[in-house]
């Protein structure tokens, strides 16, 4: 079994009337199956309302399944006594870093999670040092978070999660509120953690360029997984992605249009270098 495994996962949001009775239900995730191996970099794509953020909240048991089962490192998330263990194994980074930064100084914020876990003080500071170094934020350790840029704040949020030593990090559209430089900073920090530390990364996003180097991509629509495969397999299907209201990286689209026009380039080009090499051959 992988570190994250879902079997026929379903979730309904409930709508209540003024008396607190269930008035209606809305299916947000339906019949989702996942099998994510430890150490993988996995991306989940989908347009707004596709269910990807609802799925993300299941991965560290912020939401519990209406039906089906989700296991995190072998633990069934629907069993409430196990929730604390689940959240130690799967850390969450949200879209807006201000929603999860609570310290008045960067190093205090990064140490907040381990302190709540009962980690001894000297070990907390070791973890703070290590996490700030891994995310490139050591020089900002004594800064106030509200003086940082969006990208820097998001890296602090990632450092705070890393300090709790999770096996898996779930990032729910972490770059949606950032400028291009901030997006680049955050993605580099996350990719380094995945490559160097072997941390499993699950990135929820609608930016196609962010998933080019992922090991596996899931595409969601109307709460269901409608496509899955490597980035090359997914982006080779430009017209299908358009049907699901998704774009592809610009270089992939250019290669696709050249291919349609009769130029001998393969589908599924992911980088500018690949396209240049294909045209020069």
Protein backbone atom coordinates (compact mmCIF):
# COMPACT_ATOMS: atom_id res chain seq x y z
CA UNK A 1 0.00 0.00 0.00
CA UNK A 2 1.21 3.51 -0.85
CA UNK A 3 1.55 6.30 1.70
CA UNK A 4 -1.79 7.70 0.46
CA UNK A 5 -4.46 5.32 -0.75
CA UNK A 6 -8.10 6.09 -1.46
CA UNK A 7 -10.74 3.54 -2.41
CA UNK A 8 -14.09 4.71 -3.81
CA UNK A 9 -13.78 7.92 -1.78
CA UNK A 10 -16.92 10.08 -1.71
CA UNK A 11 -17.84 13.23 0.17
CA UNK A 12 -21.06 15.26 0.44
CA UNK A 13 -21.39 18.80 1.72
CA UNK A 14 -24.59 19.15 3.75
CA UNK A 15 -26.93 22.14 3.57
CA UNK A 16 -28.98 22.79 6.70
CA UNK A 17 -32.26 24.68 7.19
CA UNK A 18 -32.89 27.17 10.01
CA UNK A 19 -33.83 24.36 12.41
CA UNK A 20 -30.58 22.50 11.84
CA UNK A 21 -32.08 19.76 9.71
CA UNK A 22 -30.31 18.55 6.57
CA UNK A 23 -32.03 20.27 3.66
CA UNK A 24 -29.84 19.21 0.78
CA UNK A 25 -26.55 17.50 -0.07
CA UNK A 26 -23.96 18.35 -2.69
CA UNK A 27 -21.55 15.68 -3.90
CA UNK A 28 -18.06 17.25 -4.05
CA UNK A 29 -15.91 14.11 -4.39
CA UNK A 30 -17.19 10.95 -6.04
CA UNK A 31 -15.69 7.46 -6.40
CA UNK A 32 -12.06 8.62 -6.23
CA UNK A 33 -9.27 6.04 -6.18
CA UNK A 34 -5.68 7.08 -5.42
CA UNK A 35 -2.45 5.18 -4.86
CA UNK A 36 0.46 7.49 -4.07
CA UNK A 37 3.86 5.99 -3.25
CA UNK A 38 6.18 7.40 -0.60
CA UNK A 39 8.62 9.95 -2.03
CA UNK A 40 6.54 10.79 -5.10
CA UNK A 41 5.74 14.30 -6.32
CA UNK A 42 2.08 14.13 -7.31
CA UNK A 43 -0.02 16.92 -8.80
CA UNK A 44 -3.81 17.22 -8.77
CA UNK A 45 -5.26 19.47 -11.46
CA UNK A 46 -8.76 20.77 -12.00
CA UNK A 47 -10.73 23.94 -12.65
CA UNK A 48 -12.52 25.79 -9.85
CA UNK A 49 -15.22 23.59 -8.34
CA UNK A 50 -13.70 20.34 -9.59
CA UNK A 51 -13.32 18.96 -6.06
CA UNK A 52 -9.53 19.11 -5.80
CA UNK A 53 -9.44 21.25 -2.63
CA UNK A 54 -12.08 19.06 -0.99
CA UNK A 55 -9.92 16.06 -1.80
CA UNK A 56 -6.88 17.83 -0.33
CA UNK A 57 -8.69 18.34 2.98
CA UNK A 58 -9.28 14.59 3.20
CA UNK A 59 -5.57 13.86 2.96
CA UNK A 60 -4.91 15.07 6.50
CA UNK A 61 -8.39 14.37 7.83
CA UNK A 62 -9.72 17.93 7.92
CA UNK A 63 -12.70 16.30 6.21
CA UNK A 64 -13.80 12.70 6.74
CA UNK A 65 -15.23 10.53 3.96
CA UNK A 66 -18.98 10.28 3.45
CA UNK A 67 -18.30 6.95 1.80
CA UNK A 68 -15.30 4.87 0.83
CA UNK A 69 -11.97 4.84 2.66
CA UNK A 70 -8.79 6.92 2.75
CA UNK A 71 -5.60 5.60 4.32
CA UNK A 72 -2.59 7.76 5.25
CA UNK A 73 0.49 5.63 5.90
CA UNK A 74 -1.82 2.70 6.64
CA UNK A 75 -4.14 4.64 9.00
CA UNK A 76 -7.86 4.86 8.18
CA UNK A 77 -8.71 8.57 8.44
CA UNK A 78 -12.35 7.90 9.33
CA UNK A 79 -11.33 6.57 12.77
CA UNK A 80 -11.40 9.63 15.02
CA UNK A 81 -8.94 8.31 17.66
CA UNK A 82 -6.32 8.16 14.88
CA UNK A 83 -6.74 11.74 13.64
CA UNK A 84 -3.80 13.09 15.63
CA UNK A 85 -1.52 10.43 14.13
CA UNK A 86 -2.80 11.21 10.62
CA UNK A 87 -2.03 14.90 11.01
CA UNK A 88 1.47 14.14 12.26
CA UNK A 89 2.13 12.15 9.10
CA UNK A 90 0.45 14.52 6.59
CA UNK A 91 1.03 18.27 6.90
CA UNK A 92 -1.07 20.87 5.09
CA UNK A 93 -0.05 24.16 3.48
CA UNK A 94 -2.97 26.39 2.52
CA UNK A 95 -3.49 28.91 -0.27
CA UNK A 96 -3.15 31.94 2.00
CA UNK A 97 -0.12 31.74 4.34
CA UNK A 98 -1.68 34.35 6.63
CA UNK A 99 -4.27 31.72 7.57
CA UNK A 100 -1.66 29.50 9.22
CA UNK A 101 1.10 31.82 10.41
CA UNK A 102 0.44 32.67 14.07
CA UNK A 103 3.87 33.68 15.44
CA UNK A 104 5.10 37.28 15.71
CA UNK A 105 8.63 36.15 14.78
CA UNK A 106 9.48 33.66 12.04
CA UNK A 107 11.40 31.22 14.23
CA UNK A 108 8.61 31.17 16.83
CA UNK A 109 6.06 30.34 14.18
CA UNK A 110 8.15 27.49 12.78
CA UNK A 111 8.57 26.05 16.28
CA UNK A 112 4.87 26.22 17.16
CA UNK A 113 3.94 22.83 15.67
CA UNK A 114 6.70 20.78 17.34
CA UNK A 115 5.98 22.53 20.65
CA UNK A 116 2.32 21.43 20.45
CA UNK A 117 3.51 17.90 19.77
CA UNK A 118 5.47 17.88 23.03
CA UNK A 119 8.91 17.85 21.43
CA UNK A 120 11.65 18.74 23.99
CA UNK A 121 12.83 22.36 23.76
CA UNK A 122 16.36 21.62 22.51
CA UNK A 123 14.92 19.37 19.80
CA UNK A 124 12.44 22.08 18.79
CA UNK A 125 15.25 24.52 18.05
CA UNK A 126 17.13 21.85 16.12
CA UNK A 127 14.04 21.33 13.98
CA UNK A 128 13.54 25.09 13.53
CA UNK A 129 17.15 25.50 12.35
CA UNK A 130 16.84 22.54 9.99
CA UNK A 131 13.48 23.58 8.52
CA UNK A 132 14.51 27.19 7.94
CA UNK A 133 17.67 26.01 6.21
CA UNK A 134 15.77 23.60 3.96
CA UNK A 135 13.34 26.32 2.87
CA UNK A 136 16.01 29.00 2.45
CA UNK A 137 14.62 31.22 5.24
CA UNK A 138 17.44 31.10 7.80
CA UNK A 139 18.37 34.75 7.30
CA UNK A 140 14.78 35.78 8.07
CA UNK A 141 14.42 33.85 11.34
CA UNK A 142 14.17 37.00 13.52
CA UNK A 143 11.89 38.89 11.12
CA UNK A 144 8.22 39.58 11.71
CA UNK A 145 6.14 37.54 9.21
CA UNK A 146 4.11 40.60 8.26
CA UNK A 147 7.27 42.18 6.85
CA UNK A 148 7.81 39.31 4.40
CA UNK A 149 6.69 38.95 0.79
CA UNK A 150 3.98 36.47 -0.15
CA UNK A 151 6.50 33.90 -1.37
CA UNK A 152 8.58 34.26 1.79
CA UNK A 153 5.50 33.83 3.98
CA UNK A 154 4.57 30.68 2.12
CA UNK A 155 8.06 29.30 2.64
CA UNK A 156 7.70 30.01 6.37
CA UNK A 157 4.41 28.10 6.33
CA UNK A 158 6.17 25.17 4.61
CA UNK A 159 9.01 25.35 7.17
CA UNK A 160 6.44 25.21 9.98
CA UNK A 161 4.96 22.05 8.51
CA UNK A 162 8.41 20.54 7.89
CA UNK A 163 9.38 21.10 11.53
CA UNK A 164 6.71 18.59 12.52
CA UNK A 165 8.55 15.97 10.41
CA UNK A 166 5.60 14.74 8.34
CA UNK A 167 6.07 12.00 5.78
CA UNK A 168 3.81 13.85 3.37
CA UNK A 169 3.04 17.50 2.59
CA UNK A 170 -0.20 18.55 0.91
CA UNK A 171 -0.14 21.98 -0.73
CA UNK A 172 -3.56 23.38 -1.60
CA UNK A 173 -2.95 25.93 -4.37
CA UNK A 174 0.00 27.43 -2.46
CA UNK A 175 0.96 29.84 -5.25
CA UNK A 176 -2.50 31.12 -6.21
CA UNK A 177 -1.99 34.45 -4.43
CA UNK A 178 1.65 34.96 -5.41
CA UNK A 179 3.43 36.84 -8.16
CA UNK A 180 5.68 34.90 -10.58
CA UNK A 181 8.78 35.34 -8.40
CA UNK A 182 6.92 34.15 -5.31
CA UNK A 183 5.57 31.14 -7.20
CA UNK A 184 9.09 30.24 -8.33
CA UNK A 185 10.46 30.52 -4.76
CA UNK A 186 7.79 28.25 -3.30
CA UNK A 187 8.02 25.61 -6.03
CA UNK A 188 11.81 25.45 -5.72
CA UNK A 189 11.54 24.98 -1.94
CA UNK A 190 8.96 22.21 -2.32
CA UNK A 191 10.90 20.46 -5.10
CA UNK A 192 14.08 20.51 -3.01
CA UNK A 193 12.28 18.91 -0.06
CA UNK A 194 10.93 16.20 -2.34
CA UNK A 195 14.26 15.46 -4.05
CA UNK A 196 16.67 15.82 -1.14
CA UNK A 197 14.57 14.69 1.82
CA UNK A 198 12.28 12.19 0.11
CA UNK A 199 9.16 13.93 1.43
CA UNK A 200 6.03 12.93 -0.45
CA UNK A 201 4.49 16.05 -2.03
CA UNK A 202 0.91 16.40 -3.22
CA UNK A 203 0.41 19.68 -5.05
CA UNK A 204 -3.12 20.91 -5.75
CA UNK A 205 -2.99 23.54 -8.48
CA UNK A 206 -4.48 24.94 -11.67
CA UNK A 207 -1.15 26.27 -12.98
CA UNK A 208 -0.06 23.79 -15.63
CA UNK A 209 3.59 24.84 -15.60
CA UNK A 210 3.89 23.79 -11.95
CA UNK A 211 3.31 20.10 -12.67
CA UNK A 212 5.75 19.53 -15.55
CA UNK A 213 8.27 17.77 -13.28
CA UNK A 214 5.74 15.79 -11.23
CA UNK A 215 5.96 11.99 -11.10
CA UNK A 216 2.23 11.60 -11.59
CA UNK A 217 -0.73 13.84 -12.40
CA UNK A 218 -4.39 13.38 -11.52
CA UNK A 219 -7.02 15.51 -13.30
CA UNK A 220 -10.34 16.10 -11.56
CA UNK A 221 -13.69 17.22 -12.94
CA UNK A 222 -17.06 17.27 -11.16
CA UNK A 223 -15.54 15.54 -8.16
CA UNK A 224 -14.12 12.61 -10.11
CA UNK A 225 -10.65 11.66 -11.32
CA UNK A 226 -11.05 11.79 -15.10
CA UNK A 227 -7.40 11.45 -16.16
CA UNK A 228 -4.21 10.17 -14.60
CA UNK A 229 -0.68 9.55 -15.81
CA UNK A 230 2.73 11.17 -16.18
CA UNK A 231 2.85 14.85 -17.18
CA UNK A 232 3.82 13.83 -20.72
CA UNK A 233 0.89 11.41 -20.99
CA UNK A 234 -1.54 14.02 -19.68
CA UNK A 235 -0.28 16.96 -21.73
CA UNK A 236 -0.24 14.87 -24.90
CA UNK A 237 -4.05 15.09 -24.74
CA UNK A 238 -4.48 18.81 -25.37
CA UNK A 239 -8.00 18.60 -26.78
CA UNK A 240 -9.22 16.42 -23.91
CA UNK A 241 -7.82 18.87 -21.36
CA UNK A 242 -9.65 21.70 -23.13
CA UNK A 243 -12.89 19.75 -22.68
CA UNK A 244 -12.23 19.83 -18.94
CA UNK A 245 -11.63 23.62 -19.14
CA UNK A 246 -7.90 23.29 -18.51
CA UNK A 247 -5.00 24.86 -20.34
CA UNK A 248 -1.62 23.30 -21.04
CA UNK A 249 1.85 24.87 -20.72
CA UNK A 250 2.39 27.39 -23.51
CA UNK A 251 5.28 25.44 -25.02
CA UNK A 252 3.10 22.29 -25.07
CA UNK A 253 0.33 24.17 -26.85
CA UNK A 254 2.80 25.62 -29.38
CA UNK A 255 4.16 22.13 -30.11
CA UNK A 256 0.59 20.83 -30.47
CA UNK A 257 -0.30 23.55 -32.99
CA UNK A 258 2.92 22.92 -34.94
CA UNK A 259 2.11 19.19 -34.98
CA UNK A 260 -1.37 19.91 -36.33
CA UNK A 261 0.17 22.13 -39.01
CA UNK A 262 2.33 19.25 -40.22
CA UNK A 263 5.60 20.01 -38.46
CA UNK A 264 7.33 16.84 -37.31
CA UNK A 265 7.35 17.38 -33.54
CA UNK A 266 5.97 14.94 -30.98
CA UNK A 267 2.94 15.61 -28.80
CA UNK A 268 3.49 16.13 -25.08
CA UNK A 269 6.45 18.53 -25.29
CA UNK A 270 6.99 19.85 -21.75
CA UNK A 271 9.85 22.35 -21.93
CA UNK A 272 11.27 24.95 -24.31
CA UNK A 273 14.50 22.91 -24.53
CA UNK A 274 12.57 19.85 -25.70
CA UNK A 275 10.82 21.84 -28.40
CA UNK A 276 14.06 23.42 -29.62
CA UNK A 277 15.73 20.00 -29.79
CA UNK A 278 12.75 18.52 -31.65
CA UNK A 279 12.77 21.34 -34.23
CA UNK A 280 16.54 21.15 -34.74
CA UNK A 281 16.65 17.43 -35.43
